[in-house]
Amino acid sequence: MKNIFLNFEEPIIKLEKKIEKLRSLQFSSNIDTSKEINDLVKKCNKLTEEIYSKLTPWQISQIARHPKRPYTLDYIREIFTDIHELHGDRNYGDDLSIIGVLARINGESCMVIGHQKGRNVNERIIRNFGMAKPEGYRKAVRLMHIAEKFNLPIFTFIDTPGAFPGIDAEERGQSEAIGHSIYVMSKLKVPLISTIIGEGGSGGALAIAVSDITLMLQYAIYSVISPEGCASILWKTSKRASDAAEALGLTADKLKSIGLINKIIKEPIGGAHRNIKLMSNTLKNILFNTLNKFKNIKIKDLLNIRYNKLMNYGKFKRINSM
């Protein structure tokens, strides 16, 4: 499958084109170009590392939205077994922008819930570009209650620009659905592990991101508003999205430094989309090891730890100016 490059990856494109030409030459003329190819591959990897070590928040936002970045279903297929998808909110309908499955991770039964975007035009329309409506969050809540009933840990995967802002969603109680989901997650009597895999946009992300442990991929973003939306409000133009991204502090490093996430998961060179298998294996090991930390924790202690974690968000210290 052909690679899709972002603007700041232009130097990488040039090297990859040279590598492709040498491979074509080797195939068509039987000339051994393996040494030249290996040298260029090493040079390309080194250049990619250099570029990715100096990314701006806006560039990281572009990677988080990369059209080939792995989505929730990609991780479900790679990480979990015995997968059974569950549908509907038993009230209005089945919102396909939220996926929910019963599954196993290394033999342990669990519930997996996450946002799902689409790869092509038709799928994006069906999945509503990963922007859930109230019935999506109500489906998620229904599945959380099932998990609690059968004492199953819950994994959530966050990847959404935000909750759907349309009139029909507002008419069906979008804000109530999000608020109720947050409320339910805060008191569920099972372990909750959330992973921000792409975009973590506003309340649409937070609705399924309340957790005991919050993980975040290296090039994911998590913010109260998109950079474009922020720029449009502050400067009346989305063209200043790069300035907004800088001000929002939406990167994993920044969020870890202020205690809003617990762990950053390193991605393969060039991002998760460059090596989905490696990314999935890394994530699977971390998810399972994280789950094992809850083995001997009593429910009462679990809820206390979660409560203290949530109450520490936005904590500040008053300093005397005298």
Protein backbone atom coordinates (compact mmCIF):
# COMPACT_ATOMS: atom_id res chain seq x y z
CA MET A 1 0.00 0.00 0.00
CA LYS A 2 1.35 3.40 -1.01
CA ASN A 3 2.68 5.63 1.77
CA ILE A 4 0.98 8.95 2.45
CA PHE A 5 3.38 11.70 3.50
CA LEU A 6 2.83 14.90 5.44
CA ASN A 7 4.33 18.24 4.37
CA PHE A 8 7.19 18.17 6.88
CA GLU A 9 8.21 14.70 5.66
CA GLU A 10 9.35 15.97 2.25
CA PRO A 11 13.05 15.02 2.78
CA ILE A 12 11.92 11.48 3.64
CA ILE A 13 9.86 11.31 0.43
CA LYS A 14 12.93 12.03 -1.70
CA LEU A 15 14.92 9.22 -0.08
CA GLU A 16 12.05 6.73 -0.32
CA LYS A 17 11.64 7.53 -4.02
CA LYS A 18 15.35 6.77 -4.57
CA ILE A 19 14.97 3.48 -2.68
CA GLU A 20 11.94 2.58 -4.81
CA LYS A 21 13.83 3.33 -8.04
CA LEU A 22 16.76 1.11 -6.97
CA ARG A 23 14.37 -1.71 -6.08
CA SER A 24 12.67 -1.40 -9.49
CA LEU A 25 16.06 -1.42 -11.20
CA GLN A 26 17.12 -4.52 -9.29
CA PHE A 27 13.89 -6.28 -10.23
CA SER A 28 13.87 -5.31 -13.93
CA SER A 29 17.57 -5.64 -14.84
CA ASN A 30 18.93 -8.16 -12.30
CA ILE A 31 21.55 -5.63 -11.18
CA ASP A 32 22.44 -6.10 -7.51
CA THR A 33 21.65 -2.80 -5.78
CA SER A 34 21.13 -4.30 -2.31
CA LYS A 35 24.10 -2.44 -0.76
CA GLU A 36 22.90 0.92 -2.08
CA ILE A 37 19.36 0.13 -0.92
CA ASN A 38 20.53 -0.83 2.59
CA ASP A 39 22.61 2.35 2.87
CA LEU A 40 19.68 4.50 1.80
CA VAL A 41 17.27 2.69 4.16
CA LYS A 42 19.63 3.40 7.08
CA LYS A 43 19.95 7.02 5.98
CA CYS A 44 16.14 7.28 5.64
CA ASN A 45 15.56 5.82 9.13
CA LYS A 46 18.10 8.20 10.65
CA LEU A 47 16.53 11.18 8.88
CA THR A 48 13.04 10.11 10.03
CA GLU A 49 14.29 9.87 13.63
CA GLU A 50 15.81 13.37 13.38
CA ILE A 51 12.64 14.92 11.94
CA TYR A 52 10.38 13.18 14.46
CA SER A 53 12.57 14.23 17.41
CA LYS A 54 11.83 17.92 16.67
CA LEU A 55 8.12 17.89 15.89
CA THR A 56 5.95 20.88 16.76
CA PRO A 57 2.54 20.40 18.43
CA TRP A 58 0.85 21.19 15.10
CA GLN A 59 2.91 18.55 13.29
CA ILE A 60 2.01 16.03 16.00
CA SER A 61 -1.66 16.95 15.46
CA GLN A 62 -1.25 16.09 11.77
CA ILE A 63 0.25 12.69 12.66
CA ALA A 64 -2.60 12.00 15.11
CA ARG A 65 -5.01 12.52 12.19
CA HIS A 66 -2.98 10.64 9.61
CA PRO A 67 -5.37 8.81 7.24
CA LYS A 68 -3.43 5.54 7.62
CA ARG A 69 -3.08 5.72 11.40
CA PRO A 70 -4.46 2.58 13.12
CA TYR A 71 -8.01 2.94 14.43
CA THR A 72 -9.80 1.12 17.26
CA LEU A 73 -10.85 -1.82 15.05
CA ASP A 74 -7.25 -2.29 13.87
CA TYR A 75 -6.08 -2.64 17.46
CA ILE A 76 -9.01 -4.87 18.40
CA ARG A 77 -8.13 -7.29 15.59
CA GLU A 78 -4.42 -7.32 16.44
CA ILE A 79 -4.58 -7.37 20.25
CA PHE A 80 -7.74 -9.24 21.27
CA THR A 81 -9.24 -12.68 20.56
CA ASP A 82 -12.75 -14.21 20.78
CA ILE A 83 -14.23 -10.91 19.60
CA HIS A 84 -18.02 -10.45 19.72
CA GLU A 85 -19.35 -7.04 18.72
CA LEU A 86 -22.35 -5.66 20.62
CA HIS A 87 -24.79 -3.18 19.07
CA GLY A 88 -27.35 -0.55 19.98
CA ASP A 89 -28.31 1.62 22.93
CA ARG A 90 -31.71 -0.11 23.41
CA ASN A 91 -33.31 3.31 23.16
CA TYR A 92 -32.81 4.97 19.76
CA GLY A 93 -30.33 3.16 17.51
CA ASP A 94 -26.87 1.83 16.87
CA ASP A 95 -24.19 4.51 16.42
CA LEU A 96 -21.34 2.92 14.46
CA SER A 97 -18.88 5.67 15.42
CA ILE A 98 -18.63 3.84 18.76
CA ILE A 99 -17.45 0.21 18.69
CA GLY A 100 -18.08 -2.16 21.60
CA VAL A 101 -16.88 -5.76 21.84
CA LEU A 102 -16.65 -8.58 24.31
CA ALA A 103 -13.20 -10.11 23.88
CA ARG A 104 -10.16 -11.66 25.54
CA ILE A 105 -6.63 -10.37 25.99
CA ASN A 106 -4.14 -13.18 26.65
CA GLY A 107 -7.07 -15.34 27.77
CA GLU A 108 -8.56 -12.71 30.13
CA SER A 109 -12.16 -11.71 29.36
CA CYS A 110 -12.79 -7.97 28.95
CA MET A 111 -14.97 -5.30 27.37
CA VAL A 112 -13.46 -3.03 24.70
CA ILE A 113 -15.10 0.27 23.73
CA GLY A 114 -13.73 2.88 21.35
CA HIS A 115 -14.29 5.51 18.67
CA GLN A 116 -14.05 4.30 15.09
CA LYS A 117 -13.28 6.48 12.06
CA GLY A 118 -13.51 5.31 8.45
CA ARG A 119 -10.86 4.58 5.81
CA ASN A 120 -12.84 5.55 2.71
CA VAL A 121 -15.67 7.95 1.93
CA ASN A 122 -18.49 5.44 2.46
CA GLU A 123 -17.07 4.13 5.71
CA ARG A 124 -16.45 7.65 7.00
CA ILE A 125 -20.09 8.51 6.39
CA ILE A 126 -21.26 5.32 8.12
CA ARG A 127 -18.91 5.97 11.06
CA ASN A 128 -19.72 9.70 11.04
CA PHE A 129 -15.97 10.46 10.96
CA GLY A 130 -15.63 9.04 14.48
CA MET A 131 -17.96 11.70 15.96
CA ALA A 132 -20.47 9.99 18.22
CA LYS A 133 -24.09 11.00 18.73
CA PRO A 134 -25.99 10.48 22.02
CA GLU A 135 -26.93 6.92 21.08
CA GLY A 136 -23.22 6.13 20.72
CA TYR A 137 -22.44 7.21 24.27
CA ARG A 138 -25.58 5.52 25.58
CA LYS A 139 -24.46 2.31 23.86
CA ALA A 140 -21.07 2.69 25.58
CA VAL A 141 -22.80 3.13 28.97
CA ARG A 142 -24.95 0.05 28.37
CA LEU A 143 -21.85 -2.02 27.63
CA MET A 144 -20.06 -0.63 30.70
CA HIS A 145 -22.95 -1.83 32.88
CA ILE A 146 -22.72 -5.28 31.26
CA ALA A 147 -18.98 -5.35 32.02
CA GLU A 148 -19.65 -4.37 35.63
CA LYS A 149 -22.35 -7.04 35.98
CA PHE A 150 -19.94 -9.77 34.89
CA ASN A 151 -16.89 -8.25 36.61
CA LEU A 152 -14.99 -7.58 33.37
CA PRO A 153 -12.26 -4.94 33.07
CA ILE A 154 -12.91 -2.24 30.48
CA PHE A 155 -10.46 -0.96 27.86
CA THR A 156 -11.41 2.20 26.00
CA PHE A 157 -9.73 3.62 22.89
CA ILE A 158 -10.12 7.34 22.23
CA ASP A 159 -9.89 8.72 18.69
CA THR A 160 -12.38 11.45 17.81
CA PRO A 161 -12.37 15.08 16.67
CA GLY A 162 -15.21 15.53 19.19
CA ALA A 163 -18.84 14.61 19.74
CA PHE A 164 -21.11 15.24 16.76
CA PRO A 165 -22.35 18.87 16.97
CA GLY A 166 -25.43 18.52 14.73
CA ILE A 167 -28.95 19.64 15.60
CA ASP A 168 -30.28 16.06 15.72
CA ALA A 169 -27.65 15.10 18.30
CA GLU A 170 -28.52 18.13 20.44
CA GLU A 171 -32.23 17.28 20.20
CA ARG A 172 -31.53 13.79 21.54
CA GLY A 173 -29.50 15.09 24.50
CA GLN A 174 -25.85 15.10 23.47
CA SER A 175 -24.54 16.90 26.58
CA GLU A 176 -26.64 14.73 28.91
CA ALA A 177 -25.34 11.56 27.26
CA ILE A 178 -21.72 12.71 27.63
CA GLY A 179 -22.24 13.84 31.23
CA HIS A 180 -23.99 10.60 32.15
CA SER A 181 -21.19 8.52 30.63
CA ILE A 182 -18.58 10.43 32.65
CA TYR A 183 -20.69 9.95 35.80
CA VAL A 184 -21.10 6.20 35.22
CA MET A 185 -17.39 5.66 34.54
CA SER A 186 -16.41 7.52 37.70
CA LYS A 187 -18.16 4.91 39.86
CA LEU A 188 -17.92 1.63 37.90
CA LYS A 189 -16.75 -1.25 40.10
CA VAL A 190 -14.31 -2.69 37.56
CA PRO A 191 -10.85 -1.56 36.36
CA LEU A 192 -10.90 1.10 33.63
CA ILE A 193 -7.93 1.54 31.28
CA SER A 194 -8.15 4.25 28.62
CA THR A 195 -5.77 4.77 25.70
CA ILE A 196 -5.69 7.87 23.51
CA ILE A 197 -4.66 6.42 20.14
CA GLY A 198 -5.23 9.42 17.83
CA GLU A 199 -7.30 12.52 18.42
CA GLY A 200 -8.73 13.12 21.87
CA GLY A 201 -11.16 15.91 21.12
CA SER A 202 -13.17 17.70 23.80
CA GLY A 203 -16.11 16.11 25.68
CA GLY A 204 -16.51 13.59 22.89
CA ALA A 205 -13.22 12.05 24.00
CA LEU A 206 -13.68 12.55 27.74
CA ALA A 207 -17.02 10.72 27.63
CA ILE A 208 -15.21 7.37 27.43
CA ALA A 209 -11.83 8.44 28.85
CA VAL A 210 -12.53 8.49 32.60
CA SER A 211 -10.21 5.77 33.92
CA ASP A 212 -7.95 4.37 36.60
CA ILE A 213 -5.00 4.49 34.20
CA THR A 214 -4.83 6.78 31.17
CA LEU A 215 -2.33 5.81 28.47
CA MET A 216 -1.46 7.93 25.44
CA LEU A 217 0.39 7.12 22.25
CA GLN A 218 3.46 9.24 21.59
CA TYR A 219 1.98 11.12 18.62
CA ALA A 220 -1.62 11.34 19.80
CA ILE A 221 -3.27 14.57 20.96
CA TYR A 222 -5.76 15.31 23.76
CA SER A 223 -7.41 18.69 24.13
CA VAL A 224 -10.54 20.61 25.10
CA ILE A 225 -10.87 21.86 21.50
CA SER A 226 -9.22 21.30 18.13
CA PRO A 227 -6.39 23.68 17.12
CA GLU A 228 -8.53 24.97 14.23
CA GLY A 229 -11.53 25.58 16.51
CA CYS A 230 -9.37 27.35 19.07
CA ALA A 231 -7.75 29.54 16.41
CA SER A 232 -11.16 30.45 14.98
CA ILE A 233 -12.33 31.62 18.40
CA LEU A 234 -9.18 33.47 19.46
CA TRP A 235 -7.99 34.94 16.16
CA LYS A 236 -11.10 34.60 13.95
CA THR A 237 -9.16 32.41 11.50
CA SER A 238 -8.29 28.71 11.41
CA LYS A 239 -5.04 29.60 9.62
CA ARG A 240 -3.42 30.13 13.03
CA ALA A 241 -4.06 26.52 14.06
CA SER A 242 -0.32 25.96 14.57
CA ASP A 243 -0.23 28.79 17.16
CA ALA A 244 -3.30 27.35 18.87
CA ALA A 245 -1.75 23.87 18.99
CA GLU A 246 1.28 25.34 20.74
CA ALA A 247 -0.88 27.18 23.29
CA LEU A 248 -3.23 24.26 23.99
CA GLY A 249 -0.52 21.92 25.33
CA LEU A 250 -2.18 18.94 23.63
CA THR A 251 0.85 16.66 23.24
CA ALA A 252 1.60 13.56 25.32
CA ASP A 253 4.77 15.06 26.84
CA LYS A 254 2.93 18.16 28.04
CA LEU A 255 -0.04 16.24 29.41
CA LYS A 256 2.21 13.78 31.24
CA SER A 257 4.15 16.65 32.85
CA ILE A 258 0.95 18.08 34.39
CA GLY A 259 -0.45 14.71 35.45
CA LEU A 260 -3.39 14.43 33.06
CA ILE A 261 -2.16 11.11 31.65
CA ASN A 262 -0.25 8.30 33.38
CA LYS A 263 1.99 6.86 30.67
CA ILE A 264 3.25 7.66 27.18
CA ILE A 265 3.52 4.71 24.80
CA LYS A 266 6.37 5.02 22.32
CA GLU A 267 5.48 4.64 18.65
CA PRO A 268 7.56 3.07 15.85
CA ILE A 269 9.86 5.36 13.85
CA GLY A 270 7.64 7.61 11.73
CA GLY A 271 4.48 6.92 13.74
CA ALA A 272 2.10 4.03 14.44
CA HIS A 273 0.93 3.88 10.80
CA ARG A 274 4.45 2.92 9.65
CA ASN A 275 4.39 -0.38 11.57
CA ILE A 276 0.94 -1.35 12.84
CA LYS A 277 2.08 -4.85 13.93
CA LEU A 278 4.87 -3.48 16.13
CA MET A 279 2.60 -0.78 17.56
CA SER A 280 -0.09 -3.34 18.36
CA ASN A 281 2.37 -5.72 20.05
CA THR A 282 3.76 -2.89 22.16
CA LEU A 283 0.28 -1.73 23.14
CA LYS A 284 -0.91 -5.28 23.89
CA ASN A 285 1.96 -5.89 26.34
CA ILE A 286 1.38 -2.56 28.09
CA LEU A 287 -2.39 -3.09 28.33
CA PHE A 288 -1.99 -6.58 29.78
CA ASN A 289 0.71 -5.51 32.24
CA THR A 290 -1.43 -2.57 33.31
CA LEU A 291 -4.42 -4.86 33.82
CA ASN A 292 -2.35 -7.13 36.04
CA LYS A 293 -1.73 -4.24 38.43
CA PHE A 294 -5.39 -4.40 39.43
CA LYS A 295 -5.40 -8.11 40.31
CA ASN A 296 -5.12 -7.68 44.07
CA ILE A 297 -6.84 -4.31 44.50
CA LYS A 298 -10.17 -4.36 46.33
CA ILE A 299 -13.13 -2.57 44.74
CA LYS A 300 -13.35 -0.06 47.59
CA ASP A 301 -9.66 0.83 47.19
CA LEU A 302 -10.03 0.99 43.40
CA LEU A 303 -12.85 3.54 43.68
CA ASN A 304 -10.90 5.62 46.21
CA ILE A 305 -7.83 5.70 43.96
CA ARG A 306 -9.99 6.71 40.98
CA TYR A 307 -11.73 9.42 43.01
CA ASN A 308 -8.43 10.89 44.20
CA LYS A 309 -7.05 10.82 40.66
CA LEU A 310 -10.06 12.71 39.29
CA MET A 311 -10.06 15.25 42.13
CA ASN A 312 -6.39 16.06 41.49
CA TYR A 313 -7.14 17.31 37.97
CA GLY A 314 -6.77 21.07 37.87
CA LYS A 315 -5.17 21.17 41.30
CA PHE A 316 -3.30 24.37 42.04
CA LYS A 317 -1.09 25.81 44.77
CA ARG A 318 -1.59 29.30 46.13
CA ILE A 319 1.68 31.21 46.40
CA ASN A 320 2.08 34.36 48.48
CA SER A 321 3.18 37.27 46.32
CA MET A 322 4.49 39.11 49.37
